[in-house]
Structure formats: structure tokens, C-alpha cells
Amino acid sequence: MSDRHEWAKYHMDNEEREYYNPMFGGNLKEFIRRMVEDEGFTITALFPRWDGRSECLLKGGIAIDDHESMAYQALNHEHSNMDFTKGDNTQTISIMMTGDDWCDVIPINDWSFRHEQEDVVNRVVLLMRYEIMGDEA
């Protein structure tokens, strides 16, 4: 691992990978970007888990295309939920740092999806983990 990243929790030392980022918020930002730009989902809610949907942060001024601010605010509130919608496919992710090696690379600790729909979150997370960590997809 390079000296520049000696503070990183995980040894993600292959800086030649296109999406390498030892910062968890950067990985979350990239996940959000892929869900919106690559997969065609729309973010319909971002809210602190304990405050509920009535405290949606999107109503508070975060631009719908500001994925960096969304990632920052999601982690800043310690435990947040985000809804992604594409047609009749809605997936909700739970965002928080858990201390678990697997979850914290992309700090999504859980998600929901309709069983008759494709689990897009799982596919995107596994692909990103392969690019970042070299996990088997």
C-alpha cells in the first residue's frame, strides 16, 4: 500500500483500477452515480432513518444530480435510507458504516427490492466490489 493511503482501513492498493478510491464516501458517490446514470433510476428520497421520510433531504435543497452531496449527507446522518425508482421497480438502500469489512467498502448495509424485479443494487455492488477489491463477481 502506498504511503499516501496508509490511513485506509482496507488494503485497496491497486491504483491502476479505474474506480479505485479508498474513501468510502467516494465509493458511495460512484454507486449513486451508476444507479442514476448507468442504470436509469431516479432518486426519489434520501432521509435519515430515525427521522423518517417526512425529513427527506432532497426537499432541503440537495440537487437531484449532486451525488457527492447525497453521499456526504447520507453518511453524515450515520444511518440513512435512499429510494431509487425506475418505472415500477423501486429499490431502497440503507446507508451506514458498520465496521464490517464486506459492507463498508460501499457503505450500504442492506437493501430491499421486489422479488419479481431484478435486484439491480446487488448487481452494481458486486461489480463495484470486483473493480475496487478484486472480489469474485
C-alpha atoms as a PDB file:
ATOM      1  CA  MET A   1       0.000   0.000   0.000  1.00  0.00           C
ATOM      2  CA  SER A   2       1.360   3.440  -0.853  1.00  0.00           C
ATOM      3  CA  ASP A   3       2.197   5.880   1.936  1.00  0.00           C
ATOM      4  CA  ARG A   4      -0.497   8.161   0.583  1.00  0.00           C
ATOM      5  CA  HIS A   5      -3.153   5.655   1.638  1.00  0.00           C
ATOM      6  CA  GLU A   6      -1.643   4.260   4.834  1.00  0.00           C
ATOM      7  CA  TRP A   7      -4.688   5.520   6.751  1.00  0.00           C
ATOM      8  CA  ALA A   8      -7.098   3.475   4.628  1.00  0.00           C
ATOM      9  CA  LYS A   9      -8.950   0.776   6.545  1.00  0.00           C
ATOM     10  CA  TYR A  10      -8.640  -1.773   3.743  1.00  0.00           C
ATOM     11  CA  HIS A  11      -5.647  -2.608   1.595  1.00  0.00           C
ATOM     12  CA  MET A  12      -7.042  -1.442  -1.733  1.00  0.00           C
ATOM     13  CA  ASP A  13      -3.639  -0.678  -3.142  1.00  0.00           C
ATOM     14  CA  ASN A  14      -4.170  -1.178  -6.865  1.00  0.00           C
ATOM     15  CA  GLU A  15      -4.347   2.438  -8.035  1.00  0.00           C
ATOM     16  CA  GLU A  16      -4.429   1.354 -11.658  1.00  0.00           C
ATOM     17  CA  ARG A  17      -8.100   0.388 -11.322  1.00  0.00           C
ATOM     18  CA  GLU A  18     -10.360   2.935 -12.945  1.00  0.00           C
ATOM     19  CA  TYR A  19     -12.666   3.338  -9.938  1.00  0.00           C
ATOM     20  CA  TYR A  20     -10.066   2.997  -7.161  1.00  0.00           C
ATOM     21  CA  ASN A  21     -10.988   5.141  -4.193  1.00  0.00           C
ATOM     22  CA  PRO A  22     -10.061   4.309  -0.600  1.00  0.00           C
ATOM     23  CA  MET A  23     -12.611   6.888   0.592  1.00  0.00           C
ATOM     24  CA  PHE A  24     -15.896   5.168   1.420  1.00  0.00           C
ATOM     25  CA  GLY A  25     -17.898   8.291   0.557  1.00  0.00           C
ATOM     26  CA  GLY A  26     -16.324   8.273  -2.902  1.00  0.00           C
ATOM     27  CA  ASN A  27     -17.425   4.684  -3.396  1.00  0.00           C
ATOM     28  CA  LEU A  28     -20.956   5.565  -2.283  1.00  0.00           C
ATOM     29  CA  LYS A  29     -20.978   8.557  -4.635  1.00  0.00           C
ATOM     30  CA  GLU A  30     -19.914   6.267  -7.504  1.00  0.00           C
ATOM     31  CA  PHE A  31     -22.639   3.760  -6.577  1.00  0.00           C
ATOM     32  CA  ILE A  32     -25.271   6.518  -6.654  1.00  0.00           C
ATOM     33  CA  ARG A  33     -23.924   7.809  -9.981  1.00  0.00           C
ATOM     34  CA  ARG A  34     -24.109   4.333 -11.540  1.00  0.00           C
ATOM     35  CA  MET A  35     -27.656   3.730 -10.313  1.00  0.00           C
ATOM     36  CA  VAL A  36     -28.791   7.054 -11.818  1.00  0.00           C
ATOM     37  CA  GLU A  37     -26.677   7.493 -14.942  1.00  0.00           C
ATOM     38  CA  ASP A  38     -25.886   3.900 -15.952  1.00  0.00           C
ATOM     39  CA  GLU A  39     -28.993   2.053 -14.721  1.00  0.00           C
ATOM     40  CA  GLY A  40     -31.543   4.824 -15.343  1.00  0.00           C
ATOM     41  CA  PHE A  41     -33.006   5.082 -11.834  1.00  0.00           C
ATOM     42  CA  THR A  42     -34.265   8.303 -10.268  1.00  0.00           C
ATOM     43  CA  ILE A  43     -33.583   9.139  -6.633  1.00  0.00           C
ATOM     44  CA  THR A  44     -36.980   9.744  -5.060  1.00  0.00           C
ATOM     45  CA  ALA A  45     -35.985  10.031  -1.384  1.00  0.00           C
ATOM     46  CA  LEU A  46     -32.967  10.434   0.893  1.00  0.00           C
ATOM     47  CA  PHE A  47     -33.794  10.586   4.574  1.00  0.00           C
ATOM     48  CA  PRO A  48     -32.201   9.928   7.981  1.00  0.00           C
ATOM     49  CA  ARG A  49     -33.520   6.592   9.163  1.00  0.00           C
ATOM     50  CA  TRP A  50     -34.531   7.807  12.608  1.00  0.00           C
ATOM     51  CA  ASP A  51     -36.356  10.906  11.291  1.00  0.00           C
ATOM     52  CA  GLY A  52     -38.318   9.110   8.585  1.00  0.00           C
ATOM     53  CA  ARG A  53     -39.470  10.022   5.095  1.00  0.00           C
ATOM     54  CA  SER A  54     -41.021  13.290   6.234  1.00  0.00           C
ATOM     55  CA  GLU A  55     -37.479  14.658   6.704  1.00  0.00           C
ATOM     56  CA  CYS A  56     -36.400  13.982   3.101  1.00  0.00           C
ATOM     57  CA  LEU A  57     -33.097  15.772   2.477  1.00  0.00           C
ATOM     58  CA  LEU A  58     -33.985  16.318  -1.176  1.00  0.00           C
ATOM     59  CA  LYS A  59     -36.640  18.794  -0.039  1.00  0.00           C
ATOM     60  CA  GLY A  60     -33.933  20.621   1.907  1.00  0.00           C
ATOM     61  CA  GLY A  61     -32.029  21.739  -1.154  1.00  0.00           C
ATOM     62  CA  ILE A  62     -29.740  18.905  -2.300  1.00  0.00           C
ATOM     63  CA  ALA A  63     -29.755  18.965  -6.080  1.00  0.00           C
ATOM     64  CA  ILE A  64     -31.023  15.718  -7.599  1.00  0.00           C
ATOM     65  CA  ASP A  65     -27.798  15.401  -9.643  1.00  0.00           C
ATOM     66  CA  ASP A  66     -25.390  16.256  -6.785  1.00  0.00           C
ATOM     67  CA  HIS A  67     -24.310  12.708  -6.000  1.00  0.00           C
ATOM     68  CA  GLU A  68     -21.367  13.874  -3.883  1.00  0.00           C
ATOM     69  CA  SER A  69     -23.584  15.881  -1.517  1.00  0.00           C
ATOM     70  CA  MET A  70     -26.029  12.968  -1.309  1.00  0.00           C
ATOM     71  CA  ALA A  71     -23.246  10.569  -0.340  1.00  0.00           C
ATOM     72  CA  TYR A  72     -21.864  13.046   2.187  1.00  0.00           C
ATOM     73  CA  GLN A  73     -25.242  13.723   3.801  1.00  0.00           C
ATOM     74  CA  ALA A  74     -26.170  10.040   3.845  1.00  0.00           C
ATOM     75  CA  LEU A  75     -23.018   9.235   5.819  1.00  0.00           C
ATOM     76  CA  ASN A  76     -23.223  12.418   7.888  1.00  0.00           C
ATOM     77  CA  HIS A  77     -26.568  11.314   9.328  1.00  0.00           C
ATOM     78  CA  GLU A  78     -24.998   7.990  10.394  1.00  0.00           C
ATOM     79  CA  HIS A  79     -27.892   5.857   9.148  1.00  0.00           C
ATOM     80  CA  SER A  80     -29.866   6.965   6.102  1.00  0.00           C
ATOM     81  CA  ASN A  81     -32.166   5.438   3.530  1.00  0.00           C
ATOM     82  CA  MET A  82     -32.319   6.234  -0.176  1.00  0.00           C
ATOM     83  CA  ASP A  83     -35.024   5.237  -2.646  1.00  0.00           C
ATOM     84  CA  PHE A  84     -34.258   4.553  -6.313  1.00  0.00           C
ATOM     85  CA  THR A  85     -37.159   4.272  -8.764  1.00  0.00           C
ATOM     86  CA  LYS A  86     -37.290   3.199 -12.411  1.00  0.00           C
ATOM     87  CA  GLY A  87     -40.782   2.580 -13.721  1.00  0.00           C
ATOM     88  CA  ASP A  88     -42.389   0.090 -11.335  1.00  0.00           C
ATOM     89  CA  ASN A  89     -39.002  -1.055  -9.973  1.00  0.00           C
ATOM     90  CA  THR A  90     -38.223   0.581  -6.622  1.00  0.00           C
ATOM     91  CA  GLN A  91     -35.205  -0.311  -4.523  1.00  0.00           C
ATOM     92  CA  THR A  92     -34.387   1.186  -1.122  1.00  0.00           C
ATOM     93  CA  ILE A  93     -30.867   1.101   0.293  1.00  0.00           C
ATOM     94  CA  SER A  94     -29.811   1.501   3.909  1.00  0.00           C
ATOM     95  CA  ILE A  95     -26.585   3.505   4.219  1.00  0.00           C
ATOM     96  CA  MET A  96     -24.281   3.368   7.226  1.00  0.00           C
ATOM     97  CA  MET A  97     -20.784   2.382   8.292  1.00  0.00           C
ATOM     98  CA  THR A  98     -20.990  -0.957  10.107  1.00  0.00           C
ATOM     99  CA  GLY A  99     -17.391  -1.929  10.847  1.00  0.00           C
ATOM    100  CA  ASP A 100     -17.896  -4.979   8.633  1.00  0.00           C
ATOM    101  CA  ASP A 101     -15.182  -5.500   6.002  1.00  0.00           C
ATOM    102  CA  TRP A 102     -17.662  -6.516   3.321  1.00  0.00           C
ATOM    103  CA  CYS A 103     -20.295  -3.786   3.829  1.00  0.00           C
ATOM    104  CA  ASP A 104     -18.081  -0.778   4.391  1.00  0.00           C
ATOM    105  CA  VAL A 105     -16.249  -0.762   1.044  1.00  0.00           C
ATOM    106  CA  ILE A 106     -19.508   0.643  -0.300  1.00  0.00           C
ATOM    107  CA  PRO A 107     -21.320   1.646   2.909  1.00  0.00           C
ATOM    108  CA  ILE A 108     -24.644   0.016   2.071  1.00  0.00           C
ATOM    109  CA  ASN A 109     -25.585  -2.340   4.875  1.00  0.00           C
ATOM    110  CA  ASP A 110     -28.922  -3.548   3.474  1.00  0.00           C
ATOM    111  CA  TRP A 111     -31.430  -3.002   0.660  1.00  0.00           C
ATOM    112  CA  SER A 112     -34.864  -4.062  -0.449  1.00  0.00           C
ATOM    113  CA  PHE A 113     -36.305  -4.938  -3.828  1.00  0.00           C
ATOM    114  CA  ARG A 114     -39.445  -6.521  -5.216  1.00  0.00           C
ATOM    115  CA  HIS A 115     -38.973 -10.219  -5.805  1.00  0.00           C
ATOM    116  CA  GLU A 116     -40.468 -10.040  -9.309  1.00  0.00           C
ATOM    117  CA  GLN A 117     -37.900  -7.328 -10.228  1.00  0.00           C
ATOM    118  CA  GLU A 118     -34.170  -7.546 -10.896  1.00  0.00           C
ATOM    119  CA  ASP A 119     -32.005  -6.834  -7.843  1.00  0.00           C
ATOM    120  CA  VAL A 120     -30.031  -4.032  -9.512  1.00  0.00           C
ATOM    121  CA  VAL A 121     -28.415  -2.892  -6.248  1.00  0.00           C
ATOM    122  CA  ASN A 122     -26.856  -6.326  -5.764  1.00  0.00           C
ATOM    123  CA  ARG A 123     -25.534  -6.392  -9.328  1.00  0.00           C
ATOM    124  CA  VAL A 124     -23.997  -2.901  -9.086  1.00  0.00           C
ATOM    125  CA  VAL A 125     -22.483  -3.553  -5.638  1.00  0.00           C
ATOM    126  CA  LEU A 126     -20.887  -6.826  -6.762  1.00  0.00           C
ATOM    127  CA  LEU A 127     -19.478  -5.212  -9.909  1.00  0.00           C
ATOM    128  CA  MET A 128     -18.020  -2.309  -7.931  1.00  0.00           C
ATOM    129  CA  ARG A 129     -16.521  -4.644  -5.309  1.00  0.00           C
ATOM    130  CA  TYR A 130     -14.846  -6.569  -8.118  1.00  0.00           C
ATOM    131  CA  GLU A 131     -13.377  -3.360  -9.536  1.00  0.00           C
ATOM    132  CA  ILE A 132     -12.294  -1.995  -6.141  1.00  0.00           C
ATOM    133  CA  MET A 133     -11.319  -5.105  -4.189  1.00  0.00           C
ATOM    134  CA  GLY A 134     -10.922  -7.789  -6.819  1.00  0.00           C
ATOM    135  CA  ASP A 135     -13.757  -9.877  -5.322  1.00  0.00           C
ATOM    136  CA  GLU A 136     -15.325 -12.545  -7.458  1.00  0.00           C
ATOM    137  CA  ALA A 137     -18.452 -11.221  -9.161  1.00  0.00           C
END
